[in-house]
N, C-alpha and C. Protein backbone atom coordinates (compact mmCIF):
# COMPACT_ATOMS: atom_id res chain seq x y z
N MET A 1 -45.57 18.85 -18.66
CA MET A 1 -44.59 18.11 -17.53
C MET A 1 -44.27 16.75 -17.89
N PRO A 2 -42.89 16.44 -17.57
CA PRO A 2 -42.47 15.16 -18.10
C PRO A 2 -42.95 14.08 -17.20
N THR A 3 -42.98 12.92 -17.71
CA THR A 3 -43.70 11.90 -17.06
C THR A 3 -42.47 10.75 -16.56
N HIS A 4 -41.37 10.77 -17.41
CA HIS A 4 -40.23 9.96 -17.20
C HIS A 4 -38.98 10.58 -17.38
N ARG A 5 -37.93 9.97 -16.73
CA ARG A 5 -36.54 10.55 -16.89
C ARG A 5 -35.72 9.27 -16.84
N VAL A 6 -34.75 9.37 -17.85
CA VAL A 6 -33.84 8.25 -17.96
C VAL A 6 -32.44 8.81 -18.17
N VAL A 7 -31.42 8.49 -17.42
CA VAL A 7 -30.03 8.80 -17.68
C VAL A 7 -29.16 7.64 -18.03
N LEU A 8 -28.92 7.42 -19.38
CA LEU A 8 -28.36 6.27 -19.86
C LEU A 8 -26.94 6.68 -20.67
N ASP A 9 -26.05 6.04 -20.28
CA ASP A 9 -24.76 6.35 -20.82
C ASP A 9 -24.23 7.78 -20.86
N GLY A 10 -24.52 8.41 -19.57
CA GLY A 10 -24.33 9.74 -19.43
C GLY A 10 -25.08 10.77 -19.89
N LYS A 11 -26.30 10.49 -20.73
CA LYS A 11 -27.21 11.36 -21.25
C LYS A 11 -28.54 11.37 -20.69
N GLU A 12 -29.02 12.37 -20.24
CA GLU A 12 -30.26 12.53 -19.62
C GLU A 12 -31.44 12.77 -20.73
N THR A 13 -32.40 11.98 -20.60
CA THR A 13 -33.51 12.06 -21.60
C THR A 13 -34.90 12.45 -20.73
N LEU A 14 -35.71 13.36 -20.95
CA LEU A 14 -37.01 13.62 -20.33
C LEU A 14 -38.19 13.10 -21.43
N PHE A 15 -39.28 12.44 -20.95
CA PHE A 15 -40.25 11.96 -21.70
C PHE A 15 -41.47 12.60 -21.42
N TYR A 16 -42.25 13.18 -22.23
CA TYR A 16 -43.61 13.82 -22.00
C TYR A 16 -44.69 12.84 -22.42
N ASP A 17 -44.38 11.81 -23.01
CA ASP A 17 -45.41 10.93 -23.58
C ASP A 17 -45.05 9.63 -23.19
N VAL A 18 -45.93 8.70 -22.63
CA VAL A 18 -45.57 7.41 -22.22
C VAL A 18 -45.21 6.53 -23.52
N GLU A 19 -45.65 6.63 -24.57
CA GLU A 19 -45.55 5.82 -25.59
C GLU A 19 -43.99 6.02 -26.02
N ASP A 20 -43.48 7.26 -26.22
CA ASP A 20 -42.13 7.75 -26.46
C ASP A 20 -41.18 7.05 -25.34
N TYR A 21 -41.61 7.16 -24.36
CA TYR A 21 -40.76 6.44 -23.12
C TYR A 21 -40.70 4.87 -23.43
N GLU A 22 -41.79 4.28 -23.61
CA GLU A 22 -41.76 2.82 -23.99
C GLU A 22 -40.77 2.44 -25.05
N GLU A 23 -41.22 3.24 -26.15
CA GLU A 23 -40.27 2.96 -27.33
C GLU A 23 -38.76 3.06 -27.11
N TYR A 24 -38.54 4.30 -26.31
CA TYR A 24 -36.99 4.24 -26.05
C TYR A 24 -36.55 3.11 -25.17
N VAL A 25 -37.36 2.67 -24.22
CA VAL A 25 -37.00 1.60 -23.14
C VAL A 25 -36.67 0.26 -23.95
N GLU A 26 -37.51 0.05 -24.99
CA GLU A 26 -37.56 -1.15 -25.79
C GLU A 26 -36.28 -1.07 -26.65
N LYS A 27 -35.94 0.12 -27.40
CA LYS A 27 -35.03 0.15 -28.18
C LYS A 27 -33.47 0.08 -27.73
N ASN A 28 -33.53 0.65 -26.30
CA ASN A 28 -32.14 0.74 -25.59
C ASN A 28 -32.01 -0.42 -24.64
N LYS A 29 -32.92 -1.25 -24.64
CA LYS A 29 -32.94 -2.37 -23.64
C LYS A 29 -32.75 -1.93 -22.09
N VAL A 30 -33.44 -1.02 -21.92
CA VAL A 30 -33.30 -0.41 -20.54
C VAL A 30 -33.84 -1.31 -19.38
N THR A 31 -34.92 -2.02 -19.78
CA THR A 31 -35.40 -3.17 -18.68
C THR A 31 -34.35 -4.11 -18.35
N GLU A 32 -33.68 -4.69 -19.43
CA GLU A 32 -32.66 -5.51 -19.20
C GLU A 32 -31.54 -5.24 -18.33
N LEU A 33 -31.16 -3.83 -18.75
CA LEU A 33 -30.17 -3.20 -17.86
C LEU A 33 -30.42 -2.89 -16.55
N GLN A 34 -31.70 -2.64 -16.25
CA GLN A 34 -32.08 -2.56 -15.00
C GLN A 34 -32.15 -3.72 -14.18
N ALA A 35 -32.44 -4.86 -14.74
CA ALA A 35 -32.50 -6.08 -14.31
C ALA A 35 -31.16 -6.55 -13.82
N GLN A 36 -30.13 -6.37 -14.64
CA GLN A 36 -28.89 -6.65 -14.43
C GLN A 36 -28.19 -5.75 -13.30
N ALA A 37 -28.61 -4.44 -13.19
CA ALA A 37 -28.16 -3.61 -12.29
C ALA A 37 -28.66 -3.99 -10.88
N HIS A 38 -29.85 -4.66 -10.81
CA HIS A 38 -30.18 -5.11 -9.27
C HIS A 38 -30.12 -6.44 -9.32
N ALA A 39 -29.41 -7.29 -9.98
CA ALA A 39 -29.14 -8.68 -9.81
C ALA A 39 -28.49 -9.06 -8.50
N VAL A 40 -29.02 -10.14 -8.09
CA VAL A 40 -28.42 -10.78 -6.80
C VAL A 40 -27.80 -12.04 -7.16
N THR A 41 -26.61 -12.24 -6.86
CA THR A 41 -25.84 -13.53 -7.27
C THR A 41 -25.96 -14.52 -6.03
N ASP A 42 -26.21 -15.73 -6.42
CA ASP A 42 -26.16 -16.91 -5.41
C ASP A 42 -24.85 -17.11 -4.86
N ASP A 43 -24.81 -18.18 -4.15
CA ASP A 43 -23.54 -18.71 -3.62
C ASP A 43 -23.03 -19.82 -4.24
N ASN A 44 -23.61 -20.09 -5.53
CA ASN A 44 -23.09 -21.44 -6.19
C ASN A 44 -22.09 -20.90 -7.41
N ASN A 45 -21.49 -19.70 -7.15
CA ASN A 45 -20.26 -19.29 -8.11
C ASN A 45 -21.04 -18.81 -9.22
N GLY A 46 -22.24 -18.45 -9.16
CA GLY A 46 -22.57 -17.91 -10.60
C GLY A 46 -24.19 -18.07 -10.68
N HIS A 47 -24.69 -17.92 -11.93
CA HIS A 47 -26.13 -17.98 -11.96
C HIS A 47 -26.31 -18.77 -13.40
N THR A 48 -27.31 -19.66 -13.34
CA THR A 48 -27.68 -20.55 -14.51
C THR A 48 -28.80 -20.12 -15.13
N GLU A 49 -29.08 -19.84 -16.33
CA GLU A 49 -30.39 -19.68 -17.05
C GLU A 49 -30.62 -20.86 -17.80
N GLY A 50 -31.99 -21.34 -17.66
CA GLY A 50 -32.35 -22.43 -18.48
C GLY A 50 -33.03 -23.56 -17.44
N ASN A 51 -33.35 -24.63 -18.06
CA ASN A 51 -34.18 -25.58 -17.26
C ASN A 51 -33.46 -26.90 -16.90
N GLY A 52 -31.98 -26.73 -17.10
CA GLY A 52 -31.23 -27.98 -16.61
C GLY A 52 -30.64 -28.88 -17.90
N ASP A 53 -31.11 -28.51 -18.95
CA ASP A 53 -30.71 -29.34 -20.20
C ASP A 53 -29.34 -29.00 -20.71
N GLY A 54 -28.93 -29.53 -21.64
CA GLY A 54 -27.46 -29.31 -22.06
C GLY A 54 -27.20 -27.83 -22.46
N LYS A 55 -28.11 -27.04 -22.83
CA LYS A 55 -27.98 -25.61 -23.11
C LYS A 55 -27.62 -24.80 -21.97
N ALA A 56 -27.79 -25.28 -20.73
CA ALA A 56 -27.77 -24.51 -19.77
C ALA A 56 -26.27 -24.20 -19.26
N GLY A 57 -25.34 -25.01 -19.72
CA GLY A 57 -23.94 -24.92 -19.53
C GLY A 57 -23.36 -23.82 -20.20
N LYS A 58 -24.10 -23.53 -21.36
CA LYS A 58 -23.49 -22.43 -22.24
C LYS A 58 -23.79 -21.34 -21.64
N ASP A 59 -24.90 -21.07 -20.88
CA ASP A 59 -25.47 -19.72 -20.49
C ASP A 59 -25.07 -19.55 -19.09
N LYS A 60 -24.30 -20.48 -18.44
CA LYS A 60 -23.60 -20.33 -17.17
C LYS A 60 -22.66 -19.12 -17.04
N LEU A 61 -22.83 -18.08 -16.12
CA LEU A 61 -21.77 -17.20 -16.00
C LEU A 61 -21.17 -17.25 -14.57
N THR A 62 -19.86 -17.05 -14.50
CA THR A 62 -19.28 -17.13 -13.11
C THR A 62 -19.70 -15.99 -12.25
N LYS A 63 -19.52 -16.05 -11.00
CA LYS A 63 -19.86 -15.00 -10.11
C LYS A 63 -19.25 -13.73 -10.48
N ALA A 64 -17.88 -13.91 -10.92
CA ALA A 64 -17.09 -12.75 -11.30
C ALA A 64 -17.60 -12.10 -12.53
N GLU A 65 -18.03 -12.75 -13.39
CA GLU A 65 -18.57 -12.37 -14.58
C GLU A 65 -20.03 -11.53 -14.27
N LEU A 66 -20.82 -12.17 -13.34
CA LEU A 66 -21.94 -11.45 -12.99
C LEU A 66 -21.68 -10.28 -12.32
N GLN A 67 -20.64 -10.15 -11.42
CA GLN A 67 -20.57 -8.91 -10.81
C GLN A 67 -20.05 -7.85 -11.74
N ASP A 68 -19.32 -8.21 -12.79
CA ASP A 68 -18.75 -7.30 -13.79
C ASP A 68 -19.99 -6.78 -14.68
N GLN A 69 -20.84 -7.69 -15.11
CA GLN A 69 -21.92 -7.26 -15.68
C GLN A 69 -23.00 -6.34 -14.88
N LYS A 70 -23.01 -6.62 -13.65
CA LYS A 70 -23.80 -5.83 -12.75
C LYS A 70 -23.22 -4.30 -12.79
N ARG A 71 -21.94 -4.16 -12.59
CA ARG A 71 -21.18 -2.91 -12.57
C ARG A 71 -21.31 -2.29 -14.00
N THR A 72 -21.15 -2.74 -14.89
CA THR A 72 -21.51 -2.19 -16.09
C THR A 72 -22.82 -1.55 -16.37
N ALA A 73 -23.73 -2.45 -15.91
CA ALA A 73 -25.20 -1.96 -16.09
C ALA A 73 -25.28 -0.72 -15.16
N GLN A 74 -24.84 -0.69 -14.04
CA GLN A 74 -25.22 0.30 -13.05
C GLN A 74 -24.47 1.54 -13.68
N ARG A 75 -23.38 1.34 -14.17
CA ARG A 75 -22.50 2.44 -14.79
C ARG A 75 -23.46 3.11 -16.05
N ARG A 76 -23.78 2.26 -16.64
CA ARG A 76 -24.49 2.72 -17.91
C ARG A 76 -25.94 3.50 -17.70
N LEU A 77 -26.72 2.83 -16.69
CA LEU A 77 -28.07 3.06 -16.49
C LEU A 77 -27.94 3.86 -14.96
N GLU A 78 -27.92 5.17 -14.99
CA GLU A 78 -27.77 5.79 -13.85
C GLU A 78 -29.33 6.09 -13.33
N LYS A 79 -30.14 6.48 -14.06
CA LYS A 79 -31.55 6.71 -13.43
C LYS A 79 -32.67 6.20 -14.74
N ASN A 80 -33.59 5.69 -14.12
CA ASN A 80 -34.89 5.39 -14.78
C ASN A 80 -35.96 5.57 -13.79
N GLU A 81 -36.68 6.72 -13.98
CA GLU A 81 -37.54 6.83 -12.80
C GLU A 81 -38.87 7.59 -13.58
N GLU A 82 -39.93 7.20 -12.83
CA GLU A 82 -41.26 7.84 -13.30
C GLU A 82 -41.67 9.02 -12.36
N PHE A 83 -42.12 10.15 -12.87
CA PHE A 83 -42.37 11.42 -12.07
C PHE A 83 -43.84 11.02 -11.71
N HIS A 84 -44.10 10.53 -10.39
CA HIS A 84 -45.42 10.34 -10.07
C HIS A 84 -46.29 11.60 -9.79
N GLU A 85 -45.42 12.71 -9.30
CA GLU A 85 -45.98 13.98 -8.91
C GLU A 85 -46.46 14.83 -9.98
N SER A 86 -46.01 14.29 -11.41
CA SER A 86 -46.61 15.21 -12.59
C SER A 86 -48.07 15.38 -12.68
N LYS A 87 -48.86 14.24 -12.45
CA LYS A 87 -50.35 14.40 -12.60
C LYS A 87 -50.83 15.26 -11.50
N LYS A 88 -50.28 15.17 -10.28
CA LYS A 88 -50.92 16.06 -9.27
C LYS A 88 -50.54 17.60 -9.71
N LEU A 89 -49.49 17.64 -10.03
CA LEU A 89 -48.98 19.22 -10.30
C LEU A 89 -49.77 19.66 -11.75
N GLU A 90 -50.11 18.72 -12.56
CA GLU A 90 -50.92 19.17 -13.64
C GLU A 90 -52.34 19.66 -13.05
N ASP A 91 -52.92 18.85 -12.23
CA ASP A 91 -54.10 19.18 -11.68
C ASP A 91 -54.06 20.48 -10.95
N LEU A 92 -53.04 20.76 -10.08
CA LEU A 92 -52.85 21.95 -9.52
C LEU A 92 -52.60 23.01 -10.43
N PHE A 93 -52.00 22.98 -11.44
CA PHE A 93 -51.67 23.96 -12.40
C PHE A 93 -53.16 24.58 -13.08
N GLY A 94 -54.07 23.38 -13.21
CA GLY A 94 -55.35 23.78 -13.87
C GLY A 94 -56.07 24.42 -12.81
N LYS A 95 -56.13 24.17 -11.53
CA LYS A 95 -56.99 24.76 -10.59
C LYS A 95 -56.41 26.32 -10.50
N LEU A 96 -55.09 26.44 -10.52
CA LEU A 96 -54.58 28.12 -10.45
C LEU A 96 -54.98 28.67 -11.83
N ALA A 97 -54.94 27.96 -12.96
CA ALA A 97 -55.50 28.67 -14.16
C ALA A 97 -56.80 29.11 -14.01
N ALA A 98 -57.64 28.19 -13.47
CA ALA A 98 -59.10 28.55 -13.38
C ALA A 98 -59.32 29.72 -12.47
N LEU A 99 -58.32 30.13 -11.49
CA LEU A 99 -58.38 31.50 -10.88
C LEU A 99 -57.62 32.49 -11.63
N ASP A 100 -57.22 32.44 -12.83
CA ASP A 100 -56.51 33.42 -13.53
C ASP A 100 -55.10 33.61 -12.83
N LEU A 101 -54.55 32.59 -12.44
CA LEU A 101 -53.21 32.49 -11.89
C LEU A 101 -52.46 31.53 -12.61
N PRO A 102 -52.06 31.76 -13.86
CA PRO A 102 -51.29 30.83 -14.65
C PRO A 102 -49.76 30.71 -14.15
N ILE A 103 -49.40 29.27 -14.27
CA ILE A 103 -48.18 29.06 -13.58
C ILE A 103 -46.93 29.66 -14.23
N ASP A 104 -47.18 30.09 -15.46
CA ASP A 104 -46.11 30.83 -16.11
C ASP A 104 -45.68 32.03 -15.56
N ASP A 105 -46.69 32.60 -14.63
CA ASP A 105 -46.40 33.65 -13.88
C ASP A 105 -45.49 33.52 -12.53
N TRP A 106 -45.16 32.38 -12.27
CA TRP A 106 -44.55 31.99 -10.97
C TRP A 106 -43.33 32.66 -10.68
N HIS A 107 -42.50 32.88 -11.79
CA HIS A 107 -41.21 33.41 -11.47
C HIS A 107 -40.93 34.82 -11.91
N LEU A 108 -41.90 35.39 -12.26
CA LEU A 108 -42.09 36.91 -12.65
C LEU A 108 -41.38 37.76 -11.59
N ARG A 109 -40.72 38.72 -11.98
CA ARG A 109 -40.08 39.76 -10.91
C ARG A 109 -40.52 41.12 -11.35
N ILE A 110 -40.48 42.01 -10.33
CA ILE A 110 -40.65 43.48 -10.87
C ILE A 110 -39.70 44.13 -11.61
N GLU A 111 -39.97 44.60 -12.75
CA GLU A 111 -39.14 45.17 -13.58
C GLU A 111 -39.11 46.63 -13.46
N GLU A 112 -37.89 47.41 -13.97
CA GLU A 112 -37.84 48.94 -13.83
C GLU A 112 -37.62 49.41 -15.21
N THR A 113 -38.08 50.52 -15.44
CA THR A 113 -37.70 51.29 -16.61
C THR A 113 -36.44 51.73 -16.66
N ASP A 114 -35.93 52.35 -17.91
CA ASP A 114 -34.74 52.99 -17.81
C ASP A 114 -34.37 53.96 -16.90
N SER A 115 -35.50 54.54 -16.53
CA SER A 115 -35.25 55.85 -15.55
C SER A 115 -35.36 55.35 -14.14
N GLY A 116 -35.57 54.06 -14.00
CA GLY A 116 -35.65 53.49 -12.58
C GLY A 116 -37.04 53.48 -11.90
N GLU A 117 -37.95 53.82 -12.77
CA GLU A 117 -39.28 53.60 -12.16
C GLU A 117 -39.84 52.07 -12.18
N ARG A 118 -40.40 51.74 -11.24
CA ARG A 118 -40.98 50.32 -11.29
C ARG A 118 -42.16 50.20 -12.12
N LYS A 119 -42.01 49.18 -13.04
CA LYS A 119 -43.28 48.91 -13.91
C LYS A 119 -44.47 48.37 -13.23
N MET A 120 -45.72 48.60 -13.90
CA MET A 120 -46.78 47.97 -13.14
C MET A 120 -46.93 46.50 -13.28
N THR A 121 -47.28 45.93 -12.24
CA THR A 121 -47.35 44.46 -11.94
C THR A 121 -48.70 43.93 -12.25
N ARG A 122 -48.75 42.81 -12.65
CA ARG A 122 -50.12 42.18 -12.85
C ARG A 122 -50.94 41.97 -11.75
N TYR A 123 -50.28 41.74 -10.54
CA TYR A 123 -51.07 41.39 -9.27
C TYR A 123 -50.79 42.52 -8.23
N LEU A 124 -51.94 42.88 -7.49
CA LEU A 124 -51.82 43.66 -6.41
C LEU A 124 -52.51 43.05 -5.17
N LEU A 125 -51.95 43.16 -4.06
CA LEU A 125 -52.46 42.42 -2.70
C LEU A 125 -52.79 43.59 -1.96
N GLU A 126 -53.95 43.55 -1.50
CA GLU A 126 -54.54 44.59 -0.58
C GLU A 126 -55.14 44.11 0.64
N SER A 127 -54.88 44.54 1.81
CA SER A 127 -55.45 44.40 3.22
C SER A 127 -55.92 45.64 3.84
N GLY A 128 -57.20 45.79 3.80
CA GLY A 128 -57.79 47.07 4.34
C GLY A 128 -57.30 48.30 3.46
N GLU A 129 -57.25 49.54 4.14
CA GLU A 129 -56.97 50.72 3.31
C GLU A 129 -55.50 50.91 3.30
N ASP A 130 -54.75 50.54 4.44
CA ASP A 130 -53.56 50.89 4.46
C ASP A 130 -52.37 50.09 3.90
N TYR A 131 -52.68 48.69 3.56
CA TYR A 131 -51.61 47.87 3.22
C TYR A 131 -51.95 47.50 1.60
N LYS A 132 -51.14 47.95 0.73
CA LYS A 132 -51.09 47.63 -0.66
C LYS A 132 -49.75 46.88 -1.16
N ARG A 133 -49.56 46.00 -1.75
CA ARG A 133 -48.36 45.55 -2.19
C ARG A 133 -48.62 45.06 -3.49
N ASP A 134 -47.52 45.36 -4.57
CA ASP A 134 -47.44 45.01 -5.91
C ASP A 134 -46.79 43.73 -5.83
N ILE A 135 -47.29 42.67 -6.61
CA ILE A 135 -46.85 41.30 -6.70
C ILE A 135 -46.62 40.93 -8.22
N ALA A 136 -45.38 40.66 -8.47
CA ALA A 136 -45.15 40.34 -9.86
C ALA A 136 -45.37 38.89 -10.18
N GLY A 137 -44.97 38.04 -9.34
CA GLY A 137 -45.31 36.53 -9.64
C GLY A 137 -46.00 35.83 -8.86
N ILE A 138 -46.66 34.81 -9.05
CA ILE A 138 -47.68 34.26 -8.16
C ILE A 138 -46.87 33.57 -7.03
N GLY A 139 -45.49 33.33 -7.13
CA GLY A 139 -44.71 32.43 -6.11
C GLY A 139 -44.45 33.51 -5.09
N GLU A 140 -45.05 34.81 -5.14
CA GLU A 140 -44.78 35.73 -3.99
C GLU A 140 -46.05 35.82 -3.21
N ILE A 141 -47.25 35.31 -3.59
CA ILE A 141 -48.54 35.65 -2.99
C ILE A 141 -48.59 35.18 -1.64
N VAL A 142 -48.23 33.83 -1.55
CA VAL A 142 -48.43 33.25 -0.20
C VAL A 142 -47.49 33.88 0.86
N HIS A 143 -46.21 34.29 0.39
CA HIS A 143 -45.23 34.86 1.32
C HIS A 143 -45.84 36.22 1.86
N GLU A 144 -46.37 36.90 0.86
CA GLU A 144 -46.87 38.18 1.31
C GLU A 144 -48.32 37.99 2.18
N ILE A 145 -48.96 37.16 1.97
CA ILE A 145 -50.12 36.82 2.74
C ILE A 145 -49.67 36.42 4.19
N HIS A 146 -48.62 35.73 4.38
CA HIS A 146 -48.16 35.31 5.62
C HIS A 146 -47.83 36.57 6.30
N ALA A 147 -46.98 37.44 5.57
CA ALA A 147 -46.47 38.79 6.01
C ALA A 147 -47.65 39.65 6.71
N ILE A 148 -48.76 39.60 6.05
CA ILE A 148 -50.02 40.26 6.48
C ILE A 148 -50.47 39.72 7.88
N GLY A 149 -50.48 38.36 7.91
CA GLY A 149 -50.95 37.73 9.33
C GLY A 149 -50.02 37.80 10.18
N ARG A 150 -48.78 38.14 9.96
CA ARG A 150 -47.87 38.44 11.24
C ARG A 150 -47.72 39.87 11.69
N GLN A 151 -48.57 40.64 10.97
CA GLN A 151 -48.57 41.93 11.51
C GLN A 151 -49.10 42.28 12.84
N GLY A 152 -48.58 42.98 13.78
CA GLY A 152 -48.92 43.01 15.26
C GLY A 152 -48.71 41.88 16.06
N ILE A 153 -48.02 40.94 15.50
CA ILE A 153 -47.66 39.61 16.45
C ILE A 153 -46.27 39.65 16.75
N GLU A 154 -46.06 39.45 17.86
CA GLU A 154 -44.68 39.27 18.40
C GLU A 154 -44.39 37.98 19.03
N ILE A 155 -43.43 37.24 18.66
CA ILE A 155 -43.23 35.79 19.13
C ILE A 155 -41.96 35.94 20.14
N GLY A 156 -42.16 35.37 21.40
CA GLY A 156 -41.20 35.39 22.31
C GLY A 156 -41.15 34.11 22.92
N ARG A 157 -40.01 33.87 23.71
CA ARG A 157 -39.82 32.68 24.38
C ARG A 157 -39.22 33.03 25.79
N PHE A 158 -39.82 32.39 26.70
CA PHE A 158 -39.28 32.54 28.11
C PHE A 158 -38.93 31.36 28.95
N LYS A 159 -37.82 31.34 29.44
CA LYS A 159 -37.37 30.18 30.14
C LYS A 159 -38.06 29.88 31.52
N GLY A 160 -38.63 30.91 32.11
CA GLY A 160 -39.43 30.72 33.23
C GLY A 160 -40.30 31.93 33.51
N LEU A 161 -41.20 31.70 34.44
CA LEU A 161 -42.06 32.92 34.74
C LEU A 161 -41.37 34.12 35.27
N GLY A 162 -40.22 33.91 35.88
CA GLY A 162 -39.45 35.11 36.28
C GLY A 162 -38.83 35.95 35.46
N GLU A 163 -38.90 35.70 34.16
CA GLU A 163 -38.49 36.48 33.07
C GLU A 163 -39.47 37.34 32.43
N MET A 164 -40.86 36.95 32.82
CA MET A 164 -41.99 37.66 32.28
C MET A 164 -42.24 38.96 32.88
N ASN A 165 -42.72 40.04 32.20
CA ASN A 165 -43.21 41.29 32.93
C ASN A 165 -44.53 41.00 33.33
N ALA A 166 -45.11 41.91 34.13
CA ALA A 166 -46.44 41.73 34.96
C ALA A 166 -47.42 41.41 33.78
N GLU A 167 -47.65 42.17 32.69
CA GLU A 167 -48.58 42.05 31.83
C GLU A 167 -48.43 40.73 31.08
N GLU A 168 -47.37 40.19 30.68
CA GLU A 168 -47.16 38.76 30.04
C GLU A 168 -47.69 37.74 31.09
N LEU A 169 -47.14 37.92 32.41
CA LEU A 169 -47.38 36.89 33.41
C LEU A 169 -48.89 36.73 33.67
N TRP A 170 -49.55 37.98 33.64
CA TRP A 170 -51.10 37.85 33.85
C TRP A 170 -51.92 37.09 32.75
N ILE A 171 -51.38 37.63 31.40
CA ILE A 171 -52.08 36.96 30.21
C ILE A 171 -51.93 35.43 30.07
N THR A 172 -50.69 34.97 30.41
CA THR A 172 -50.28 33.60 30.15
C THR A 172 -50.45 32.64 31.23
N THR A 173 -50.57 33.28 32.50
CA THR A 173 -50.46 32.36 33.71
C THR A 173 -51.42 32.76 34.76
N MET A 174 -51.64 33.97 35.19
CA MET A 174 -52.54 34.26 36.42
C MET A 174 -53.99 34.63 36.05
N ASP A 175 -54.23 35.05 34.91
CA ASP A 175 -55.67 35.45 34.42
C ASP A 175 -56.68 34.28 34.84
N PRO A 176 -57.57 34.17 35.66
CA PRO A 176 -58.29 33.08 36.05
C PRO A 176 -59.19 32.64 35.03
N GLN A 177 -59.54 33.42 34.04
CA GLN A 177 -60.22 33.13 32.83
C GLN A 177 -59.47 32.21 31.85
N ARG A 178 -58.17 32.35 31.75
CA ARG A 178 -57.24 31.48 30.91
C ARG A 178 -56.56 30.34 31.48
N ARG A 179 -56.19 30.50 32.91
CA ARG A 179 -55.21 29.58 33.45
C ARG A 179 -56.15 28.32 33.78
N THR A 180 -55.33 27.18 33.82
CA THR A 180 -55.75 25.93 34.37
C THR A 180 -54.99 25.41 35.48
N LEU A 181 -55.91 25.02 36.43
CA LEU A 181 -55.20 24.54 37.70
C LEU A 181 -55.38 22.93 37.76
N LEU A 182 -54.16 22.46 38.20
CA LEU A 182 -53.92 20.82 38.27
C LEU A 182 -53.67 20.58 39.62
N ARG A 183 -54.28 19.43 40.02
CA ARG A 183 -53.95 18.96 41.31
C ARG A 183 -52.79 18.03 41.44
N VAL A 184 -51.67 18.26 42.08
CA VAL A 184 -50.34 17.43 42.11
C VAL A 184 -50.53 16.70 43.37
N THR A 185 -50.57 15.42 43.52
CA THR A 185 -50.48 14.48 44.67
C THR A 185 -49.13 14.13 44.90
N LEU A 186 -48.90 13.63 46.14
CA LEU A 186 -47.53 13.26 46.45
C LEU A 186 -47.18 12.07 45.63
N GLU A 187 -47.96 11.09 45.28
CA GLU A 187 -47.96 9.97 44.45
C GLU A 187 -47.36 10.45 42.96
N GLY A 188 -48.20 11.46 42.60
CA GLY A 188 -47.91 11.83 41.10
C GLY A 188 -46.49 12.64 41.14
N ALA A 189 -46.17 13.45 42.14
CA ALA A 189 -44.70 13.95 42.23
C ALA A 189 -43.61 12.94 42.36
N SER A 190 -43.93 11.83 43.16
CA SER A 190 -42.80 10.91 43.35
C SER A 190 -42.79 9.98 41.83
N ASN A 191 -43.75 9.86 41.09
CA ASN A 191 -43.67 9.24 39.75
C ASN A 191 -42.87 10.22 38.83
N ALA A 192 -43.34 11.42 38.98
CA ALA A 192 -42.50 12.23 38.02
C ALA A 192 -41.10 12.49 38.31
N GLU A 193 -40.86 12.38 39.57
CA GLU A 193 -39.37 12.59 40.09
C GLU A 193 -38.57 11.18 39.56
N ALA A 194 -39.27 10.12 39.68
CA ALA A 194 -38.55 8.87 39.13
C ALA A 194 -38.42 8.81 37.75
N MET A 195 -39.35 9.41 36.81
CA MET A 195 -39.12 9.60 35.41
C MET A 195 -37.97 10.57 35.16
N PHE A 196 -37.92 11.58 35.60
CA PHE A 196 -36.82 12.58 35.51
C PHE A 196 -35.40 12.03 35.77
N LEU A 197 -35.44 11.15 36.92
CA LEU A 197 -34.27 10.51 37.14
C LEU A 197 -33.73 9.44 36.06
N ASP A 198 -34.70 8.76 35.61
CA ASP A 198 -34.40 7.78 34.63
C ASP A 198 -34.02 8.60 33.32
N LEU A 199 -34.55 9.58 33.11
CA LEU A 199 -34.12 10.31 31.66
C LEU A 199 -32.77 10.98 31.97
N ASP A 200 -32.48 11.41 33.06
CA ASP A 200 -31.33 11.86 33.53
C ASP A 200 -30.08 10.91 33.66
N GLY A 201 -30.39 9.65 33.73
CA GLY A 201 -29.50 8.59 33.72
C GLY A 201 -29.02 8.34 35.26
N ARG A 202 -29.86 8.89 36.17
CA ARG A 202 -29.45 8.61 37.68
C ARG A 202 -30.32 7.55 38.25
N GLY A 203 -31.32 7.05 37.60
CA GLY A 203 -32.30 6.26 37.98
C GLY A 203 -32.13 4.81 37.47
N CYS A 204 -31.03 4.50 36.81
CA CYS A 204 -30.99 3.22 36.20
C CYS A 204 -30.21 2.22 37.00
N GLY A 205 -30.16 2.32 38.23
CA GLY A 205 -29.46 1.34 39.14
C GLY A 205 -27.90 1.13 38.79
N ALA A 206 -27.47 -0.10 38.63
CA ALA A 206 -26.19 -0.45 38.33
C ALA A 206 -25.76 0.00 36.94
N SER A 207 -26.71 0.27 35.98
CA SER A 207 -26.18 0.47 34.64
C SER A 207 -25.97 2.01 34.54
N ALA A 208 -26.33 2.74 35.63
CA ALA A 208 -25.96 4.29 35.74
C ALA A 208 -24.46 4.42 36.06
N SER A 209 -23.74 3.43 36.57
CA SER A 209 -22.43 3.71 36.93
C SER A 209 -21.40 3.17 35.87
N VAL A 210 -22.04 2.49 34.77
CA VAL A 210 -21.38 2.08 33.51
C VAL A 210 -20.98 3.42 32.67
N HIS A 211 -19.71 3.77 32.34
CA HIS A 211 -19.46 4.79 31.46
C HIS A 211 -18.98 4.30 30.20
C-alpha cells in the first residue's frame, strides 16, 4: 500500500517507503513549494525576510511578486498528501489473510468455460440446506450475507393507521403486549400545538407576516 502521493508538474508519484518519499521531497524542494503555495501576504505591500539589516532590502518582494510566486507554486504542486488509512488497511488485510481470505481475491468474478459452463469458485456460501451460493471474490460475501438476512422480510411504509390491514394494525398498534399508552394532558396538547405552529411559521407573531 502506498504511504504518500505527490503530484508535481503534472506527474503523479506514489511512494511505498517513507525514506523514498523524504528523498524526493528534499530533491524537488516540495516543502518550499508547499510553503509558497500557502503563503499569506501582509498589508505592507510585500514580505521581508531577514532581521532588519542591510541584506533585508535585497530579499524584499512586492505583493504582486509574492502573488505570482504563490500561483506558480500552486500550479506546480497539485498534491502532497499522506495516506493515513494505509496502516489501518494493512492491518485489515492481515486479519482477512488470517481467515484465508486474501485481499487479492476481492475483485474475482465467476468465469465460464468455452461451452458456457460456470467454473468452480473458491468460496461457497451456505445457509441451511436450501441456500447455496457460489462466491467468486470476497467483495461479494457481505452482500450475499445481507441477502440471506433479508429473506422473508418485507419493508413497508404507511402514512397512517387507516392504510394498514387488520393484521398489520394489530401487530404494530393494537396488540396489548406490544403497544405503549401515553397520557396526553391539555397542557401537553397546547404545548405541542404551539410548537407545530412555530415550525409551520404561523406562530412567529409579526415575523410571520414578512415574506
